[in-house]
Amino acid sequence: MMASAQSLSLADRRVVAAWAADCAERVLALFEEQAPEDDRPRDAIARARAFSRGELDAAGEIQRRFVAGRAASAVATPSAVAAARAAAQSAGVAHMGAHALGAAAYAAKAVKSAASAASDGEAAFAAELAWQLSHASETVRLTLQQLPALGSDSAGPLGTGLLASGDLGEAIRRLQARL
């Protein structure tokens, strides 16, 4: 069986895991404001960083990748839910590299949702994507460029599912266009 182009090699997943964790950590406070005692998203981000440093193996992280995502049900606002999912996506990079773009997209969605009340959601969304791109090293950019275009490969998170629609899809399309 051939691996999905969205998987990336172990070495490449380690490269993008730290960037995904950076993206998720920027919005972590949106989750923690509502659920300060729930450490699942913070733990997922820490695990993504540890995975990027080679301190955790992919197999163990694959088994734990859904823990932070379940934290989304502990909060009510769209921004807090998206922040929990950004953390979960960062932890998911150990399983499949394409989750790095998922982490970035959920972080941008969280920022947009938080800013929407002030009616500057689109500006916040664009600014978050600009920050993400400016903080992607050349190595991260080159690694992310290996991923298939959103919607072109159904064997992973960049298929035609959730990440391809709405703000998430828009974020990933913008990121992929500028890498």
Protein backbone atom coordinates (compact mmCIF):
# COMPACT_ATOMS: atom_id res chain seq x y z
CA MET A 1 0.00 0.00 0.00
CA MET A 2 1.35 3.39 -0.98
CA ALA A 3 1.37 6.10 1.67
CA SER A 4 -0.67 9.23 1.06
CA ALA A 5 1.18 12.25 -0.29
CA GLN A 6 -0.30 14.03 2.71
CA SER A 7 1.67 11.90 5.15
CA LEU A 8 5.16 13.28 4.54
CA SER A 9 8.23 11.44 5.80
CA LEU A 10 8.90 11.16 9.52
CA ALA A 11 11.71 13.72 9.20
CA ASP A 12 9.43 16.13 7.34
CA ARG A 13 6.63 15.71 9.89
CA ARG A 14 9.12 16.62 12.61
CA VAL A 15 10.03 19.77 10.63
CA VAL A 16 6.45 21.05 10.37
CA ALA A 17 5.28 19.93 13.84
CA ALA A 18 6.96 22.83 15.64
CA TRP A 19 5.45 25.36 13.22
CA ALA A 20 2.01 23.78 13.69
CA ALA A 21 2.49 24.03 17.47
CA ASP A 22 3.44 27.71 17.12
CA CYS A 23 0.25 28.37 15.15
CA ALA A 24 -1.91 26.56 17.71
CA GLU A 25 -0.22 28.16 20.71
CA ARG A 26 -1.05 31.66 19.44
CA VAL A 27 -4.76 30.97 20.02
CA LEU A 28 -4.54 28.72 23.08
CA ALA A 29 -5.65 31.54 25.39
CA LEU A 30 -9.01 31.63 23.59
CA PHE A 31 -9.61 28.09 24.83
CA GLU A 32 -8.07 28.55 28.27
CA GLU A 33 -10.20 31.63 28.99
CA GLN A 34 -13.23 29.34 28.95
CA ALA A 35 -11.72 26.16 30.35
CA PRO A 36 -8.67 27.11 32.43
CA GLU A 37 -8.51 23.73 34.18
CA ASP A 38 -8.55 21.73 30.93
CA ASP A 39 -4.95 21.13 29.91
CA ARG A 40 -5.62 18.84 26.92
CA PRO A 41 -4.91 21.46 24.23
CA ARG A 42 -1.80 22.77 26.01
CA ASP A 43 -0.57 19.20 26.41
CA ALA A 44 -1.18 18.48 22.71
CA ILE A 45 0.92 21.51 21.74
CA ALA A 46 3.71 20.42 24.10
CA ARG A 47 3.60 16.92 22.60
CA ALA A 48 3.79 18.35 19.07
CA ARG A 49 6.92 20.25 20.10
CA ALA A 50 8.41 17.17 21.76
CA PHE A 51 7.65 15.14 18.63
CA SER A 52 9.37 17.79 16.51
CA ARG A 53 12.50 17.44 18.66
CA GLY A 54 12.48 13.65 18.29
CA GLU A 55 11.56 13.07 21.94
CA LEU A 56 8.31 11.24 21.12
CA ASP A 57 7.69 8.60 18.49
CA ALA A 58 4.97 8.72 15.86
CA ALA A 59 3.24 5.52 17.01
CA GLY A 60 2.59 6.79 20.53
CA GLU A 61 1.37 10.15 19.26
CA ILE A 62 -0.92 8.56 16.69
CA GLN A 63 -2.72 6.82 19.54
CA ARG A 64 -3.12 10.10 21.48
CA ARG A 65 -3.96 12.48 18.62
CA PHE A 66 -7.69 12.76 19.37
CA VAL A 67 -7.37 13.78 23.04
CA ALA A 68 -7.15 17.54 22.45
CA GLY A 69 -9.93 17.47 19.88
CA ARG A 70 -12.31 16.14 22.52
CA ALA A 71 -11.60 19.28 24.56
CA ALA A 72 -13.54 21.25 21.95
CA SER A 73 -16.74 19.93 23.49
CA ALA A 74 -15.81 21.53 26.82
CA VAL A 75 -16.19 25.09 25.50
CA ALA A 76 -19.00 27.07 23.92
CA THR A 77 -17.63 29.86 21.73
CA PRO A 78 -16.54 29.18 18.14
CA SER A 79 -13.14 30.74 18.84
CA ALA A 80 -12.46 28.43 21.81
CA VAL A 81 -13.63 25.38 19.87
CA ALA A 82 -11.36 26.30 16.95
CA ALA A 83 -8.43 26.85 19.34
CA ALA A 84 -8.87 23.34 20.79
CA ARG A 85 -9.01 21.91 17.28
CA ALA A 86 -5.85 23.83 16.29
CA ALA A 87 -4.04 22.13 19.18
CA ALA A 88 -5.43 18.74 18.15
CA GLN A 89 -4.30 19.27 14.58
CA SER A 90 -0.79 20.15 15.78
CA ALA A 91 -0.63 16.86 17.67
CA GLY A 92 -1.96 15.09 14.57
CA VAL A 93 1.16 16.05 12.59
CA ALA A 94 2.88 12.99 14.09
CA HIS A 95 0.37 10.92 12.12
CA MET A 96 0.13 12.96 8.93
CA GLY A 97 2.02 16.08 7.93
CA ALA A 98 -1.02 17.69 6.32
CA HIS A 99 -2.39 18.32 9.82
CA ALA A 100 0.13 21.19 10.06
CA LEU A 101 -2.03 23.14 7.62
CA GLY A 102 -5.07 22.10 9.64
CA ALA A 103 -3.52 23.57 12.79
CA ALA A 104 -2.81 26.83 10.99
CA ALA A 105 -6.31 26.96 9.49
CA TYR A 106 -8.04 26.35 12.82
CA ALA A 107 -5.85 29.00 14.45
CA ALA A 108 -6.85 31.52 11.77
CA LYS A 109 -10.50 30.54 12.21
CA ALA A 110 -10.19 31.02 15.99
CA VAL A 111 -8.77 34.52 15.52
CA LYS A 112 -11.47 35.42 12.99
CA SER A 113 -14.21 34.13 15.30
CA ALA A 114 -12.83 36.07 18.26
CA ALA A 115 -12.58 39.27 16.21
CA SER A 116 -15.97 38.94 14.53
CA ALA A 117 -17.71 40.53 17.48
CA ALA A 118 -15.69 43.65 16.77
CA SER A 119 -16.52 43.28 13.05
CA ASP A 120 -12.91 43.07 11.95
CA GLY A 121 -12.82 39.31 11.58
CA GLU A 122 -11.55 39.29 8.00
CA ALA A 123 -8.67 41.63 8.85
CA ALA A 124 -7.74 39.46 11.85
CA PHE A 125 -7.95 36.33 9.67
CA ALA A 126 -5.63 37.84 7.05
CA ALA A 127 -3.22 39.09 9.70
CA GLU A 128 -3.04 35.66 11.34
CA LEU A 129 -2.28 33.99 8.01
CA ALA A 130 0.41 36.61 7.36
CA TRP A 131 1.96 35.87 10.76
CA GLN A 132 1.90 32.13 10.07
CA LEU A 133 3.66 32.58 6.74
CA SER A 134 6.22 34.98 8.19
CA HIS A 135 7.06 32.47 10.91
CA ALA A 136 7.46 29.52 8.56
CA SER A 137 11.14 28.95 7.94
CA GLU A 138 12.35 28.19 4.44
CA THR A 139 12.61 24.53 5.45
CA VAL A 140 9.01 24.53 6.72
CA ARG A 141 7.84 26.23 3.52
CA LEU A 142 9.64 23.73 1.31
CA THR A 143 8.23 20.85 3.33
CA LEU A 144 4.66 22.18 3.20
CA GLN A 145 5.04 22.66 -0.57
CA GLN A 146 5.34 18.87 -0.86
CA LEU A 147 1.69 18.52 0.20
CA PRO A 148 -0.96 18.20 -2.50
CA ALA A 149 -3.26 21.14 -3.17
CA LEU A 150 -6.36 21.24 -0.99
CA GLY A 151 -9.08 19.01 -2.45
CA SER A 152 -6.83 17.25 -4.95
CA ASP A 153 -6.05 14.11 -2.91
CA SER A 154 -8.76 12.40 -0.88
CA ALA A 155 -6.34 10.24 1.12
CA GLY A 156 -6.03 12.53 4.13
CA PRO A 157 -7.16 15.74 5.81
CA LEU A 158 -6.56 17.87 2.70
CA GLY A 159 -9.24 15.95 0.80
CA THR A 160 -12.74 17.24 0.19
CA GLY A 161 -13.87 17.08 3.82
CA LEU A 162 -14.03 19.55 6.67
CA LEU A 163 -10.69 21.27 6.06
CA ALA A 164 -11.70 22.05 2.47
CA SER A 165 -14.76 24.11 3.38
CA GLY A 166 -15.53 27.50 4.85
CA ASP A 167 -12.88 29.48 6.70
CA LEU A 168 -10.69 26.39 7.05
CA GLY A 169 -10.56 25.81 3.32
CA GLU A 170 -10.02 29.49 2.64
CA ALA A 171 -7.11 29.60 5.11
CA ILE A 172 -5.41 26.55 3.60
CA ARG A 173 -5.90 27.79 0.03
CA ARG A 174 -4.35 31.15 0.97
CA LEU A 175 -1.45 29.49 2.75
CA GLN A 176 -0.75 27.08 -0.08
CA ALA A 177 -0.86 29.91 -2.63
CA ARG A 178 1.78 31.86 -0.71
CA LEU A 179 4.19 29.16 0.40
